[in-house]
């Protein structure tokens, strides 16, 4: 529906703002980071039935969108290609400002559009991708046993990003310690109040524990994820390394240790793609 609406906005930009004038305006990306809101536009009661978007009374709407972009309040906008509507991304101080901006949209005031407004937390996926691809220096700062000053702040930030990146559901395949017996199960990782909580469901039994960031191999400080859990009525310690799969989801491989065993167990956790 609103695919052509984007063309309307762009056309109006060319009609009413010469290229030099646009170049001299403030770059929206230079504006300080603010709260982000997603606006979904839908056809309203005044939408002209049977008419294309080019035939709708959207000239003032186009001017308004352009002004928001120049001011830095609107970051992105575009149509939903299934013709179900359009979306706008606003960077504003708070929800009240976002609502005021949309309520002042000429197309909303006229009833041509109705809208939904949602607060949106954008995740730093570029940072997650770098960590998932094994950026050694970043991973080391994540797992240091004692850091101070700026390094401590960076460690806290990195661990927060990793917890968010790792959160999700995983299929588990394992081999028991000192045995060739294999098993399967399901693992869930959740970031709850700064703690990475783990729920393991194997052979009809559920166990909950906490995962922590650690390092192994002495001076090499290889980053790992450590857990202590119960399985078969015994307490195990597990150490996992992580990496990114082809779709940039985290997956884990690790050793499962039981006191007194000669050969540790093995586990692999594969993300459940939803």
C-alpha atoms as a PDB file:
ATOM      1  CA  UNK A   1       0.000   0.000   0.000  1.00  0.00           C
ATOM      2  CA  UNK A   2       2.596   2.486   1.018  1.00  0.00           C
ATOM      3  CA  UNK A   3       5.317   1.439  -1.387  1.00  0.00           C
ATOM      4  CA  UNK A   4       4.464   4.385  -3.560  1.00  0.00           C
ATOM      5  CA  UNK A   5       4.185   6.591  -0.449  1.00  0.00           C
ATOM      6  CA  UNK A   6       7.939   6.528  -0.182  1.00  0.00           C
ATOM      7  CA  UNK A   7       8.136   7.783  -3.741  1.00  0.00           C
ATOM      8  CA  UNK A   8       5.800  10.626  -2.755  1.00  0.00           C
ATOM      9  CA  UNK A   9       8.127  11.674   0.065  1.00  0.00           C
ATOM     10  CA  UNK A  10      11.195  11.479  -2.145  1.00  0.00           C
ATOM     11  CA  UNK A  11       9.497  13.413  -4.907  1.00  0.00           C
ATOM     12  CA  UNK A  12       8.499  16.128  -2.499  1.00  0.00           C
ATOM     13  CA  UNK A  13      12.056  16.265  -1.207  1.00  0.00           C
ATOM     14  CA  UNK A  14      13.299  16.971  -4.720  1.00  0.00           C
ATOM     15  CA  UNK A  15      10.531  19.488  -5.361  1.00  0.00           C
ATOM     16  CA  UNK A  16      10.868  21.541  -2.194  1.00  0.00           C
ATOM     17  CA  UNK A  17      14.517  21.141  -1.069  1.00  0.00           C
ATOM     18  CA  UNK A  18      17.349  21.722  -3.530  1.00  0.00           C
ATOM     19  CA  UNK A  19      20.313  19.402  -3.169  1.00  0.00           C
ATOM     20  CA  UNK A  20      22.544  22.192  -1.841  1.00  0.00           C
ATOM     21  CA  UNK A  21      19.995  23.104   0.830  1.00  0.00           C
ATOM     22  CA  UNK A  22      19.773  19.478   1.969  1.00  0.00           C
ATOM     23  CA  UNK A  23      23.541  19.232   2.137  1.00  0.00           C
ATOM     24  CA  UNK A  24      23.690  22.299   4.375  1.00  0.00           C
ATOM     25  CA  UNK A  25      21.133  20.983   6.884  1.00  0.00           C
ATOM     26  CA  UNK A  26      22.095  19.225  10.077  1.00  0.00           C
ATOM     27  CA  UNK A  27      22.888  15.531   9.625  1.00  0.00           C
ATOM     28  CA  UNK A  28      20.292  13.604  11.672  1.00  0.00           C
ATOM     29  CA  UNK A  29      22.963  11.109  12.687  1.00  0.00           C
ATOM     30  CA  UNK A  30      24.864  13.897  14.437  1.00  0.00           C
ATOM     31  CA  UNK A  31      21.972  14.330  16.850  1.00  0.00           C
ATOM     32  CA  UNK A  32      22.477  12.817  20.310  1.00  0.00           C
ATOM     33  CA  UNK A  33      21.074   9.349  20.804  1.00  0.00           C
ATOM     34  CA  UNK A  34      17.516   9.504  22.151  1.00  0.00           C
ATOM     35  CA  UNK A  35      14.595   7.182  22.741  1.00  0.00           C
ATOM     36  CA  UNK A  36      13.499   5.225  19.674  1.00  0.00           C
ATOM     37  CA  UNK A  37       9.860   4.664  18.648  1.00  0.00           C
ATOM     38  CA  UNK A  38       8.447   2.617  15.797  1.00  0.00           C
ATOM     39  CA  UNK A  39       5.361   4.031  14.092  1.00  0.00           C
ATOM     40  CA  UNK A  40       3.188   1.752  11.942  1.00  0.00           C
ATOM     41  CA  UNK A  41       0.838   3.537   9.535  1.00  0.00           C
ATOM     42  CA  UNK A  42      -2.384   1.897   8.306  1.00  0.00           C
ATOM     43  CA  UNK A  43      -5.123   3.175   5.936  1.00  0.00           C
ATOM     44  CA  UNK A  44      -7.572   5.308   7.914  1.00  0.00           C
ATOM     45  CA  UNK A  45     -11.272   6.116   7.527  1.00  0.00           C
ATOM     46  CA  UNK A  46     -10.554   8.931   5.050  1.00  0.00           C
ATOM     47  CA  UNK A  47      -8.487   6.703   2.771  1.00  0.00           C
ATOM     48  CA  UNK A  48      -9.912   6.925  -0.740  1.00  0.00           C
ATOM     49  CA  UNK A  49     -11.099   3.391  -1.470  1.00  0.00           C
ATOM     50  CA  UNK A  50      -9.945   2.024  -4.792  1.00  0.00           C
ATOM     51  CA  UNK A  51      -7.380   4.790  -5.219  1.00  0.00           C
ATOM     52  CA  UNK A  52      -3.621   4.297  -5.259  1.00  0.00           C
ATOM     53  CA  UNK A  53      -1.410   6.070  -2.772  1.00  0.00           C
ATOM     54  CA  UNK A  54      -0.441   8.533  -5.509  1.00  0.00           C
ATOM     55  CA  UNK A  55      -4.077   9.561  -5.656  1.00  0.00           C
ATOM     56  CA  UNK A  56      -4.419  10.046  -1.903  1.00  0.00           C
ATOM     57  CA  UNK A  57      -4.219  13.528  -0.354  1.00  0.00           C
ATOM     58  CA  UNK A  58      -0.666  13.031   0.981  1.00  0.00           C
ATOM     59  CA  UNK A  59       1.140  16.125  -0.265  1.00  0.00           C
ATOM     60  CA  UNK A  60       1.213  17.770   3.165  1.00  0.00           C
ATOM     61  CA  UNK A  61       2.142  14.455   4.770  1.00  0.00           C
ATOM     62  CA  UNK A  62       5.173  14.267   2.466  1.00  0.00           C
ATOM     63  CA  UNK A  63       6.271  17.761   3.420  1.00  0.00           C
ATOM     64  CA  UNK A  64       5.860  16.923   7.084  1.00  0.00           C
ATOM     65  CA  UNK A  65       7.958  13.740   6.854  1.00  0.00           C
ATOM     66  CA  UNK A  66      10.698  15.632   5.069  1.00  0.00           C
ATOM     67  CA  UNK A  67      10.768  18.296   7.775  1.00  0.00           C
ATOM     68  CA  UNK A  68      11.093  15.627  10.467  1.00  0.00           C
ATOM     69  CA  UNK A  69      14.024  14.055   8.666  1.00  0.00           C
ATOM     70  CA  UNK A  70      15.814  17.368   8.266  1.00  0.00           C
ATOM     71  CA  UNK A  71      15.320  18.139  11.974  1.00  0.00           C
ATOM     72  CA  UNK A  72      16.679  14.727  12.945  1.00  0.00           C
ATOM     73  CA  UNK A  73      13.479  13.465  14.585  1.00  0.00           C
ATOM     74  CA  UNK A  74      12.848  10.845  11.908  1.00  0.00           C
ATOM     75  CA  UNK A  75      15.659   8.361  11.226  1.00  0.00           C
ATOM     76  CA  UNK A  76      14.101   5.916   8.765  1.00  0.00           C
ATOM     77  CA  UNK A  77      10.842   5.474   6.877  1.00  0.00           C
ATOM     78  CA  UNK A  78       9.487   3.202   4.203  1.00  0.00           C
ATOM     79  CA  UNK A  79       6.640   0.991   3.006  1.00  0.00           C
ATOM     80  CA  UNK A  80       5.742  -2.567   3.950  1.00  0.00           C
ATOM     81  CA  UNK A  81       6.087  -4.329   0.619  1.00  0.00           C
ATOM     82  CA  UNK A  82       2.996  -6.461   1.183  1.00  0.00           C
ATOM     83  CA  UNK A  83       0.988  -3.211   0.914  1.00  0.00           C
ATOM     84  CA  UNK A  84      -0.130  -3.505   4.556  1.00  0.00           C
ATOM     85  CA  UNK A  85       1.149  -0.056   5.448  1.00  0.00           C
ATOM     86  CA  UNK A  86       4.355   1.740   6.241  1.00  0.00           C
ATOM     87  CA  UNK A  87       6.784   2.269   9.092  1.00  0.00           C
ATOM     88  CA  UNK A  88       8.627   5.257  10.535  1.00  0.00           C
ATOM     89  CA  UNK A  89      11.469   5.246  13.040  1.00  0.00           C
ATOM     90  CA  UNK A  90      11.557   8.266  15.340  1.00  0.00           C
ATOM     91  CA  UNK A  91      14.446   9.407  17.556  1.00  0.00           C
ATOM     92  CA  UNK A  92      12.904  11.684  20.183  1.00  0.00           C
ATOM     93  CA  UNK A  93      13.186  12.608  23.847  1.00  0.00           C
ATOM     94  CA  UNK A  94      10.249  10.551  25.124  1.00  0.00           C
ATOM     95  CA  UNK A  95       6.920   8.953  24.265  1.00  0.00           C
ATOM     96  CA  UNK A  96       5.047  12.216  24.708  1.00  0.00           C
ATOM     97  CA  UNK A  97       7.135  13.831  21.974  1.00  0.00           C
ATOM     98  CA  UNK A  98       6.642  10.837  19.678  1.00  0.00           C
ATOM     99  CA  UNK A  99       2.867  10.952  20.148  1.00  0.00           C
ATOM    100  CA  UNK A 100       2.809  14.706  19.548  1.00  0.00           C
ATOM    101  CA  UNK A 101       4.763  14.313  16.305  1.00  0.00           C
ATOM    102  CA  UNK A 102       2.460  11.627  14.929  1.00  0.00           C
ATOM    103  CA  UNK A 103      -0.702  13.393  16.083  1.00  0.00           C
ATOM    104  CA  UNK A 104       0.441  16.479  14.142  1.00  0.00           C
ATOM    105  CA  UNK A 105       0.937  14.507  10.933  1.00  0.00           C
ATOM    106  CA  UNK A 106      -1.479  16.010   8.386  1.00  0.00           C
ATOM    107  CA  UNK A 107      -2.394  12.552   7.105  1.00  0.00           C
ATOM    108  CA  UNK A 108      -3.306  11.435  10.626  1.00  0.00           C
ATOM    109  CA  UNK A 109      -5.263  14.600  11.357  1.00  0.00           C
ATOM    110  CA  UNK A 110      -7.232  14.156   8.146  1.00  0.00           C
ATOM    111  CA  UNK A 111      -7.944  10.477   8.812  1.00  0.00           C
ATOM    112  CA  UNK A 112      -6.061   9.245   5.772  1.00  0.00           C
ATOM    113  CA  UNK A 113      -3.786   7.295   8.105  1.00  0.00           C
ATOM    114  CA  UNK A 114      -4.240   5.682  11.490  1.00  0.00           C
ATOM    115  CA  UNK A 115      -1.196   4.515  13.421  1.00  0.00           C
ATOM    116  CA  UNK A 116       0.340   2.324  16.115  1.00  0.00           C
ATOM    117  CA  UNK A 117       3.249   3.515  18.258  1.00  0.00           C
ATOM    118  CA  UNK A 118       5.744   1.227  19.969  1.00  0.00           C
ATOM    119  CA  UNK A 119       8.895   1.948  22.000  1.00  0.00           C
ATOM    120  CA  UNK A 120      11.776   0.079  20.397  1.00  0.00           C
ATOM    121  CA  UNK A 121      15.113  -0.951  21.860  1.00  0.00           C
ATOM    122  CA  UNK A 122      17.624  -1.310  19.059  1.00  0.00           C
ATOM    123  CA  UNK A 123      20.344  -3.849  19.826  1.00  0.00           C
ATOM    124  CA  UNK A 124      24.012  -3.200  18.872  1.00  0.00           C
ATOM    125  CA  UNK A 125      24.185  -6.130  16.457  1.00  0.00           C
ATOM    126  CA  UNK A 126      27.468  -4.960  14.967  1.00  0.00           C
ATOM    127  CA  UNK A 127      29.076  -5.377  18.386  1.00  0.00           C
ATOM    128  CA  UNK A 128      27.456  -8.789  18.859  1.00  0.00           C
ATOM    129  CA  UNK A 129      28.754  -9.924  15.462  1.00  0.00           C
ATOM    130  CA  UNK A 130      32.318  -8.875  16.270  1.00  0.00           C
ATOM    131  CA  UNK A 131      32.222 -10.786  19.550  1.00  0.00           C
ATOM    132  CA  UNK A 132      30.645 -13.834  17.920  1.00  0.00           C
ATOM    133  CA  UNK A 133      33.378 -13.942  15.272  1.00  0.00           C
ATOM    134  CA  UNK A 134      35.984 -14.237  17.977  1.00  0.00           C
ATOM    135  CA  UNK A 135      37.420 -10.758  18.352  1.00  0.00           C
ATOM    136  CA  UNK A 136      40.163 -11.889  20.709  1.00  0.00           C
ATOM    137  CA  UNK A 137      40.949  -8.583  22.313  1.00  0.00           C
ATOM    138  CA  UNK A 138      37.321  -7.868  23.114  1.00  0.00           C
ATOM    139  CA  UNK A 139      36.772 -11.365  24.453  1.00  0.00           C
ATOM    140  CA  UNK A 140      39.806 -11.067  26.699  1.00  0.00           C
ATOM    141  CA  UNK A 141      38.524  -7.881  28.240  1.00  0.00           C
ATOM    142  CA  UNK A 142      35.252  -9.715  28.871  1.00  0.00           C
ATOM    143  CA  UNK A 143      36.826 -12.529  30.866  1.00  0.00           C
ATOM    144  CA  UNK A 144      39.606 -10.872  32.853  1.00  0.00           C
ATOM    145  CA  UNK A 145      39.678 -11.873  36.515  1.00  0.00           C
ATOM    146  CA  UNK A 146      40.730  -8.444  37.808  1.00  0.00           C
ATOM    147  CA  UNK A 147      40.407  -5.192  35.906  1.00  0.00           C
ATOM    148  CA  UNK A 148      40.010  -1.634  37.067  1.00  0.00           C
ATOM    149  CA  UNK A 149      39.030   1.853  35.960  1.00  0.00           C
ATOM    150  CA  UNK A 150      37.992   2.106  32.298  1.00  0.00           C
ATOM    151  CA  UNK A 151      38.687  -1.626  31.754  1.00  0.00           C
ATOM    152  CA  UNK A 152      36.151  -2.517  34.449  1.00  0.00           C
ATOM    153  CA  UNK A 153      33.484  -0.423  32.734  1.00  0.00           C
ATOM    154  CA  UNK A 154      34.305  -2.003  29.398  1.00  0.00           C
ATOM    155  CA  UNK A 155      34.099  -5.484  30.897  1.00  0.00           C
ATOM    156  CA  UNK A 156      30.652  -4.766  32.310  1.00  0.00           C
ATOM    157  CA  UNK A 157      29.454  -3.458  28.934  1.00  0.00           C
ATOM    158  CA  UNK A 158      30.915  -6.429  27.030  1.00  0.00           C
ATOM    159  CA  UNK A 159      29.339  -8.969  29.361  1.00  0.00           C
ATOM    160  CA  UNK A 160      25.981  -7.230  29.036  1.00  0.00           C
ATOM    161  CA  UNK A 161      26.222  -7.432  25.239  1.00  0.00           C
ATOM    162  CA  UNK A 162      27.242 -11.077  25.340  1.00  0.00           C
ATOM    163  CA  UNK A 163      24.395 -12.031  27.679  1.00  0.00           C
ATOM    164  CA  UNK A 164      21.924 -10.417  25.308  1.00  0.00           C
ATOM    165  CA  UNK A 165      23.563 -12.095  22.294  1.00  0.00           C
ATOM    166  CA  UNK A 166      23.584 -15.556  23.887  1.00  0.00           C
ATOM    167  CA  UNK A 167      20.038 -15.488  25.247  1.00  0.00           C
ATOM    168  CA  UNK A 168      17.751 -18.003  23.546  1.00  0.00           C
ATOM    169  CA  UNK A 169      16.825 -21.678  23.131  1.00  0.00           C
ATOM    170  CA  UNK A 170      19.264 -24.426  22.176  1.00  0.00           C
ATOM    171  CA  UNK A 171      19.134 -28.101  21.220  1.00  0.00           C
ATOM    172  CA  UNK A 172      21.689 -30.133  23.157  1.00  0.00           C
ATOM    173  CA  UNK A 173      23.628 -33.225  22.113  1.00  0.00           C
ATOM    174  CA  UNK A 174      25.949 -34.822  24.651  1.00  0.00           C
ATOM    175  CA  UNK A 175      28.070 -37.797  25.621  1.00  0.00           C
ATOM    176  CA  UNK A 176      28.321 -38.815  29.262  1.00  0.00           C
ATOM    177  CA  UNK A 177      31.629 -38.728  31.141  1.00  0.00           C
ATOM    178  CA  UNK A 178      33.604 -42.017  31.132  1.00  0.00           C
ATOM    179  CA  UNK A 179      31.030 -43.481  28.758  1.00  0.00           C
ATOM    180  CA  UNK A 180      29.958 -43.802  25.154  1.00  0.00           C
ATOM    181  CA  UNK A 181      26.328 -43.185  26.116  1.00  0.00           C
ATOM    182  CA  UNK A 182      24.819 -40.200  24.340  1.00  0.00           C
ATOM    183  CA  UNK A 183      21.860 -38.031  25.242  1.00  0.00           C
ATOM    184  CA  UNK A 184      19.842 -35.131  23.879  1.00  0.00           C
ATOM    185  CA  UNK A 185      17.959 -32.302  25.507  1.00  0.00           C
ATOM    186  CA  UNK A 186      17.053 -28.647  25.490  1.00  0.00           C
ATOM    187  CA  UNK A 187      18.811 -25.662  27.049  1.00  0.00           C
ATOM    188  CA  UNK A 188      17.500 -22.134  27.558  1.00  0.00           C
ATOM    189  CA  UNK A 189      19.726 -19.140  28.344  1.00  0.00           C
ATOM    190  CA  UNK A 190      18.099 -15.981  29.718  1.00  0.00           C
ATOM    191  CA  UNK A 191      19.586 -12.635  30.714  1.00  0.00           C
ATOM    192  CA  UNK A 192      17.789 -11.750  33.952  1.00  0.00           C
ATOM    193  CA  UNK A 193      18.899  -8.682  35.889  1.00  0.00           C
ATOM    194  CA  UNK A 194      22.493  -8.962  34.745  1.00  0.00           C
ATOM    195  CA  UNK A 195      22.721 -12.734  35.308  1.00  0.00           C
ATOM    196  CA  UNK A 196      22.805 -15.375  32.557  1.00  0.00           C
ATOM    197  CA  UNK A 197      20.418 -18.032  33.878  1.00  0.00           C
ATOM    198  CA  UNK A 198      20.364 -21.533  32.443  1.00  0.00           C
ATOM    199  CA  UNK A 199      17.555 -24.096  32.296  1.00  0.00           C
ATOM    200  CA  UNK A 200      18.566 -27.609  31.204  1.00  0.00           C
ATOM    201  CA  UNK A 201      15.913 -30.207  30.306  1.00  0.00           C
ATOM    202  CA  UNK A 202      17.394 -33.670  29.702  1.00  0.00           C
ATOM    203  CA  UNK A 203      15.724 -37.097  29.819  1.00  0.00           C
ATOM    204  CA  UNK A 204      12.583 -35.651  31.372  1.00  0.00           C
ATOM    205  CA  UNK A 205      14.420 -33.878  34.191  1.00  0.00           C
ATOM    206  CA  UNK A 206      14.974 -30.126  34.544  1.00  0.00           C
ATOM    207  CA  UNK A 207      17.865 -28.389  36.284  1.00  0.00           C
ATOM    208  CA  UNK A 208      18.530 -24.687  36.678  1.00  0.00           C
ATOM    209  CA  UNK A 209      21.876 -23.000  37.170  1.00  0.00           C
ATOM    210  CA  UNK A 210      23.829 -19.823  36.398  1.00  0.00           C
ATOM    211  CA  UNK A 211      26.435 -19.358  33.657  1.00  0.00           C
ATOM    212  CA  UNK A 212      29.452 -17.135  34.182  1.00  0.00           C
ATOM    213  CA  UNK A 213      32.142 -15.745  31.912  1.00  0.00           C
ATOM    214  CA  UNK A 214      35.597 -17.109  32.610  1.00  0.00           C
ATOM    215  CA  UNK A 215      38.924 -17.859  30.927  1.00  0.00           C
ATOM    216  CA  UNK A 216      41.218 -20.883  30.678  1.00  0.00           C
ATOM    217  CA  UNK A 217      44.705 -21.811  29.413  1.00  0.00           C
ATOM    218  CA  UNK A 218      46.683 -19.529  31.710  1.00  0.00           C
ATOM    219  CA  UNK A 219      48.227 -16.544  29.940  1.00  0.00           C
ATOM    220  CA  UNK A 220      46.306 -17.309  26.737  1.00  0.00           C
ATOM    221  CA  UNK A 221      43.100 -16.426  28.611  1.00  0.00           C
ATOM    222  CA  UNK A 222      40.785 -18.226  26.210  1.00  0.00           C
ATOM    223  CA  UNK A 223      37.233 -16.953  26.869  1.00  0.00           C
ATOM    224  CA  UNK A 224      34.760 -19.602  28.007  1.00  0.00           C
ATOM    225  CA  UNK A 225      31.322 -19.927  29.549  1.00  0.00           C
ATOM    226  CA  UNK A 226      31.280 -21.958  32.774  1.00  0.00           C
ATOM    227  CA  UNK A 227      28.356 -23.722  34.464  1.00  0.00           C
ATOM    228  CA  UNK A 228      27.776 -26.029  37.434  1.00  0.00           C
ATOM    229  CA  UNK A 229      24.680 -28.211  37.225  1.00  0.00           C
ATOM    230  CA  UNK A 230      23.157 -31.516  38.351  1.00  0.00           C
ATOM    231  CA  UNK A 231      22.683 -34.474  36.019  1.00  0.00           C
ATOM    232  CA  UNK A 232      21.952 -38.109  36.911  1.00  0.00           C
ATOM    233  CA  UNK A 233      21.946 -37.089  40.559  1.00  0.00           C
ATOM    234  CA  UNK A 234      25.537 -35.840  40.395  1.00  0.00           C
ATOM    235  CA  UNK A 235      27.116 -32.397  40.253  1.00  0.00           C
ATOM    236  CA  UNK A 236      29.003 -31.497  37.100  1.00  0.00           C
ATOM    237  CA  UNK A 237      31.198 -28.603  36.042  1.00  0.00           C
ATOM    238  CA  UNK A 238      31.098 -27.619  32.389  1.00  0.00           C
ATOM    239  CA  UNK A 239      33.245 -25.302  30.277  1.00  0.00           C
ATOM    240  CA  UNK A 240      32.070 -24.158  26.841  1.00  0.00           C
ATOM    241  CA  UNK A 241      33.597 -22.200  24.036  1.00  0.00           C
ATOM    242  CA  UNK A 242      31.292 -20.267  21.733  1.00  0.00           C
ATOM    243  CA  UNK A 243      31.312 -19.190  18.120  1.00  0.00           C
ATOM    244  CA  UNK A 244      28.878 -17.876  15.528  1.00  0.00           C
ATOM    245  CA  UNK A 245      27.020 -20.169  13.144  1.00  0.00           C
ATOM    246  CA  UNK A 246      26.444 -19.170   9.465  1.00  0.00           C
ATOM    247  CA  UNK A 247      23.326 -17.195  10.477  1.00  0.00           C
ATOM    248  CA  UNK A 248      25.235 -15.351  13.233  1.00  0.00           C
ATOM    249  CA  UNK A 249      23.585 -17.271  16.076  1.00  0.00           C
ATOM    250  CA  UNK A 250      25.845 -18.426  18.926  1.00  0.00           C
ATOM    251  CA  UNK A 251      26.588 -22.119  19.369  1.00  0.00           C
ATOM    252  CA  UNK A 252      28.597 -23.821  22.090  1.00  0.00           C
ATOM    253  CA  UNK A 253      30.895 -26.839  22.414  1.00  0.00           C
ATOM    254  CA  UNK A 254      32.355 -27.930  25.706  1.00  0.00           C
ATOM    255  CA  UNK A 255      33.619 -30.472  28.201  1.00  0.00           C
ATOM    256  CA  UNK A 256      31.533 -31.751  31.097  1.00  0.00           C
ATOM    257  CA  UNK A 257      33.566 -32.694  34.173  1.00  0.00           C
ATOM    258  CA  UNK A 258      32.677 -35.006  37.038  1.00  0.00           C
ATOM    259  CA  UNK A 259      35.054 -35.461  39.990  1.00  0.00           C
ATOM    260  CA  UNK A 260      37.017 -38.670  39.708  1.00  0.00           C
ATOM    261  CA  UNK A 261      36.343 -39.401  36.041  1.00  0.00           C
ATOM    262  CA  UNK A 262      39.106 -40.161  33.568  1.00  0.00           C
ATOM    263  CA  UNK A 263      37.378 -38.880  30.455  1.00  0.00           C
ATOM    264  CA  UNK A 264      35.149 -35.782  30.527  1.00  0.00           C
ATOM    265  CA  UNK A 265      31.775 -35.738  28.862  1.00  0.00           C
ATOM    266  CA  UNK A 266      31.107 -33.708  25.744  1.00  0.00           C
ATOM    267  CA  UNK A 267      28.237 -31.327  24.893  1.00  0.00           C
ATOM    268  CA  UNK A 268      27.262 -29.219  21.925  1.00  0.00           C
ATOM    269  CA  UNK A 269      24.486 -26.596  21.999  1.00  0.00           C
ATOM    270  CA  UNK A 270      22.894 -25.565  18.704  1.00  0.00           C
ATOM    271  CA  UNK A 271      20.577 -22.524  18.499  1.00  0.00           C
ATOM    272  CA  UNK A 272      16.913 -23.110  17.751  1.00  0.00           C
ATOM    273  CA  UNK A 273      16.106 -20.797  14.831  1.00  0.00           C
ATOM    274  CA  UNK A 274      12.579 -19.415  15.211  1.00  0.00           C
END
